[in-house]
Amino acid sequence: MTNYYDRQGNPLEMMDWATRMGIDNRVAETTLPNGRWVSTVWLGLDHSFGSGPPLIFETMVFQNRSDMGDLDCERYSTEAEAIAGHERMCAKWSVETPEPDIQSESLSEA
């Protein structure tokens, strides 16, 4: 059993996977109006770890392109799922979450 797959989900030998890594592995990327960066890539390495179908694509959300602290992550089995997941993440993280109003919280506790 292999842990390595091409973009179509076909099994690969480790050396074939290693040769393909870094060559055209981006599926989609979007910088949102609020500055957050959504990146979807082909990993090729199964992140299901044997429980379910191989998860070989990943979408991650970052504060921005220079702050790589991740905010969210989802993994997928197919490129079609990854593209749809990218769009969902863009919609989810496009909405700016307001900071809590500390003054009104303090008044409600009084």
C-alpha atoms as a PDB file:
ATOM      1  CA  MET A   1       0.000   0.000   0.000  1.00  0.00           C
ATOM      2  CA  THR A   2       1.305   3.444  -0.924  1.00  0.00           C
ATOM      3  CA  ASN A   3       0.984   6.799   0.821  1.00  0.00           C
ATOM      4  CA  TYR A   4       1.818   8.762  -2.340  1.00  0.00           C
ATOM      5  CA  TYR A   5      -0.601   9.782  -5.101  1.00  0.00           C
ATOM      6  CA  ASP A   6      -0.617  11.899  -8.250  1.00  0.00           C
ATOM      7  CA  ARG A   7      -3.157  14.687  -8.775  1.00  0.00           C
ATOM      8  CA  GLN A   8      -5.638  12.199 -10.261  1.00  0.00           C
ATOM      9  CA  GLY A   9      -5.405   9.940  -7.192  1.00  0.00           C
ATOM     10  CA  ASN A  10      -3.283   7.248  -8.823  1.00  0.00           C
ATOM     11  CA  PRO A  11      -0.696   5.580  -6.556  1.00  0.00           C
ATOM     12  CA  LEU A  12       2.936   6.658  -6.945  1.00  0.00           C
ATOM     13  CA  GLU A  13       6.250   5.341  -5.756  1.00  0.00           C
ATOM     14  CA  MET A  14       7.912   7.673  -3.265  1.00  0.00           C
ATOM     15  CA  MET A  15      10.642   8.758  -5.708  1.00  0.00           C
ATOM     16  CA  ASP A  16       8.042   9.619  -8.387  1.00  0.00           C
ATOM     17  CA  TRP A  17       6.141  11.691  -5.812  1.00  0.00           C
ATOM     18  CA  ALA A  18       9.332  13.442  -4.677  1.00  0.00           C
ATOM     19  CA  THR A  19      10.173  14.339  -8.282  1.00  0.00           C
ATOM     20  CA  ARG A  20       6.742  15.922  -8.790  1.00  0.00           C
ATOM     21  CA  MET A  21       6.678  17.908  -5.522  1.00  0.00           C
ATOM     22  CA  GLY A  22       7.117  21.611  -6.000  1.00  0.00           C
ATOM     23  CA  ILE A  23       6.304  21.391  -9.701  1.00  0.00           C
ATOM     24  CA  ASP A  24       2.861  22.824 -10.349  1.00  0.00           C
ATOM     25  CA  ASN A  25       1.349  21.752  -7.032  1.00  0.00           C
ATOM     26  CA  ARG A  26      -0.756  24.914  -6.583  1.00  0.00           C
ATOM     27  CA  VAL A  27      -4.462  24.366  -7.201  1.00  0.00           C
ATOM     28  CA  ALA A  28      -5.669  27.866  -6.290  1.00  0.00           C
ATOM     29  CA  GLU A  29      -4.723  30.900  -4.236  1.00  0.00           C
ATOM     30  CA  THR A  30      -6.734  33.954  -3.295  1.00  0.00           C
ATOM     31  CA  THR A  31      -5.885  37.084  -1.362  1.00  0.00           C
ATOM     32  CA  LEU A  32      -9.132  38.232   0.235  1.00  0.00           C
ATOM     33  CA  PRO A  33     -10.125  41.911   0.587  1.00  0.00           C
ATOM     34  CA  ASN A  34      -9.398  41.671   4.346  1.00  0.00           C
ATOM     35  CA  GLY A  35      -5.817  40.583   3.546  1.00  0.00           C
ATOM     36  CA  ARG A  36      -6.202  36.921   4.454  1.00  0.00           C
ATOM     37  CA  TRP A  37      -4.538  34.494   2.068  1.00  0.00           C
ATOM     38  CA  VAL A  38      -6.248  31.229   1.045  1.00  0.00           C
ATOM     39  CA  SER A  39      -3.987  28.610  -0.542  1.00  0.00           C
ATOM     40  CA  THR A  40      -4.978  25.222  -1.952  1.00  0.00           C
ATOM     41  CA  VAL A  41      -2.298  22.739  -2.976  1.00  0.00           C
ATOM     42  CA  TRP A  42      -1.793  19.156  -4.070  1.00  0.00           C
ATOM     43  CA  LEU A  43       0.139  17.397  -1.310  1.00  0.00           C
ATOM     44  CA  GLY A  44       0.373  13.987  -2.937  1.00  0.00           C
ATOM     45  CA  LEU A  45       1.026  12.480   0.480  1.00  0.00           C
ATOM     46  CA  ASP A  46      -2.004  10.789   2.066  1.00  0.00           C
ATOM     47  CA  HIS A  47      -3.045  12.740   5.161  1.00  0.00           C
ATOM     48  CA  SER A  48      -5.899  10.365   6.052  1.00  0.00           C
ATOM     49  CA  PHE A  49      -3.295   8.077   7.608  1.00  0.00           C
ATOM     50  CA  GLY A  50      -5.222   4.975   6.591  1.00  0.00           C
ATOM     51  CA  SER A  51      -8.657   5.978   7.886  1.00  0.00           C
ATOM     52  CA  GLY A  52     -10.719   6.637   4.790  1.00  0.00           C
ATOM     53  CA  PRO A  53      -9.918   7.647   1.237  1.00  0.00           C
ATOM     54  CA  PRO A  54      -6.534   9.316   0.633  1.00  0.00           C
ATOM     55  CA  LEU A  55      -6.541  13.024   1.487  1.00  0.00           C
ATOM     56  CA  ILE A  56      -4.028  14.455  -0.959  1.00  0.00           C
ATOM     57  CA  PHE A  57      -5.135  18.099  -1.353  1.00  0.00           C
ATOM     58  CA  GLU A  58      -5.188  20.821   1.293  1.00  0.00           C
ATOM     59  CA  THR A  59      -6.611  24.322   1.715  1.00  0.00           C
ATOM     60  CA  MET A  60      -5.102  26.560   4.360  1.00  0.00           C
ATOM     61  CA  VAL A  61      -6.021  30.084   5.427  1.00  0.00           C
ATOM     62  CA  PHE A  62      -3.351  32.486   6.693  1.00  0.00           C
ATOM     63  CA  GLN A  63      -3.539  35.998   8.183  1.00  0.00           C
ATOM     64  CA  ASN A  64      -1.712  37.197   5.062  1.00  0.00           C
ATOM     65  CA  ARG A  65       1.086  36.105   2.718  1.00  0.00           C
ATOM     66  CA  SER A  66       3.810  37.204   5.122  1.00  0.00           C
ATOM     67  CA  ASP A  67       2.198  35.877   8.346  1.00  0.00           C
ATOM     68  CA  MET A  68       2.092  32.128   7.798  1.00  0.00           C
ATOM     69  CA  GLY A  69       0.349  31.345  11.079  1.00  0.00           C
ATOM     70  CA  ASP A  70      -2.553  29.258   9.848  1.00  0.00           C
ATOM     71  CA  LEU A  71      -6.155  30.044  10.759  1.00  0.00           C
ATOM     72  CA  ASP A  72      -7.965  27.113   9.159  1.00  0.00           C
ATOM     73  CA  CYS A  73      -7.288  23.930   7.206  1.00  0.00           C
ATOM     74  CA  GLU A  74      -9.278  21.346   5.249  1.00  0.00           C
ATOM     75  CA  ARG A  75      -8.107  18.331   3.246  1.00  0.00           C
ATOM     76  CA  TYR A  76      -9.659  16.583   0.254  1.00  0.00           C
ATOM     77  CA  SER A  77      -9.391  13.451  -1.865  1.00  0.00           C
ATOM     78  CA  THR A  78      -9.904  14.949  -5.329  1.00  0.00           C
ATOM     79  CA  GLU A  79      -8.940  18.120  -7.144  1.00  0.00           C
ATOM     80  CA  ALA A  80     -12.632  18.901  -7.758  1.00  0.00           C
ATOM     81  CA  GLU A  81     -13.282  18.695  -3.999  1.00  0.00           C
ATOM     82  CA  ALA A  82     -10.231  20.907  -3.392  1.00  0.00           C
ATOM     83  CA  ILE A  83     -11.471  23.595  -5.804  1.00  0.00           C
ATOM     84  CA  ALA A  84     -14.922  23.591  -4.183  1.00  0.00           C
ATOM     85  CA  GLY A  85     -13.313  23.641  -0.729  1.00  0.00           C
ATOM     86  CA  HIS A  86     -11.132  26.595  -1.735  1.00  0.00           C
ATOM     87  CA  GLU A  87     -14.235  28.560  -2.709  1.00  0.00           C
ATOM     88  CA  ARG A  88     -15.959  27.663   0.598  1.00  0.00           C
ATOM     89  CA  MET A  89     -12.908  28.812   2.569  1.00  0.00           C
ATOM     90  CA  CYS A  90     -12.805  32.074   0.622  1.00  0.00           C
ATOM     91  CA  ALA A  91     -16.464  32.713   1.427  1.00  0.00           C
ATOM     92  CA  LYS A  92     -16.032  31.727   5.079  1.00  0.00           C
ATOM     93  CA  TRP A  93     -12.965  33.909   5.678  1.00  0.00           C
ATOM     94  CA  SER A  94     -14.073  36.909   3.595  1.00  0.00           C
ATOM     95  CA  VAL A  95     -16.309  38.023   6.422  1.00  0.00           C
ATOM     96  CA  GLU A  96     -14.406  40.153   8.899  1.00  0.00           C
ATOM     97  CA  THR A  97     -15.080  38.941  12.451  1.00  0.00           C
ATOM     98  CA  PRO A  98     -15.587  41.934  14.717  1.00  0.00           C
ATOM     99  CA  GLU A  99     -13.545  42.186  17.901  1.00  0.00           C
ATOM    100  CA  PRO A 100     -15.611  41.899  21.100  1.00  0.00           C
ATOM    101  CA  ASP A 101     -16.705  45.230  22.517  1.00  0.00           C
ATOM    102  CA  ILE A 102     -14.953  45.174  25.897  1.00  0.00           C
ATOM    103  CA  GLN A 103     -16.780  48.255  27.185  1.00  0.00           C
ATOM    104  CA  SER A 104     -20.266  46.804  26.544  1.00  0.00           C
ATOM    105  CA  GLU A 105     -19.211  43.453  28.032  1.00  0.00           C
ATOM    106  CA  SER A 106     -18.011  45.216  31.185  1.00  0.00           C
ATOM    107  CA  LEU A 107     -21.303  47.105  31.471  1.00  0.00           C
ATOM    108  CA  SER A 108     -23.343  43.923  31.134  1.00  0.00           C
ATOM    109  CA  GLU A 109     -21.369  42.276  33.947  1.00  0.00           C
ATOM    110  CA  ALA A 110     -22.006  45.188  36.348  1.00  0.00           C
END
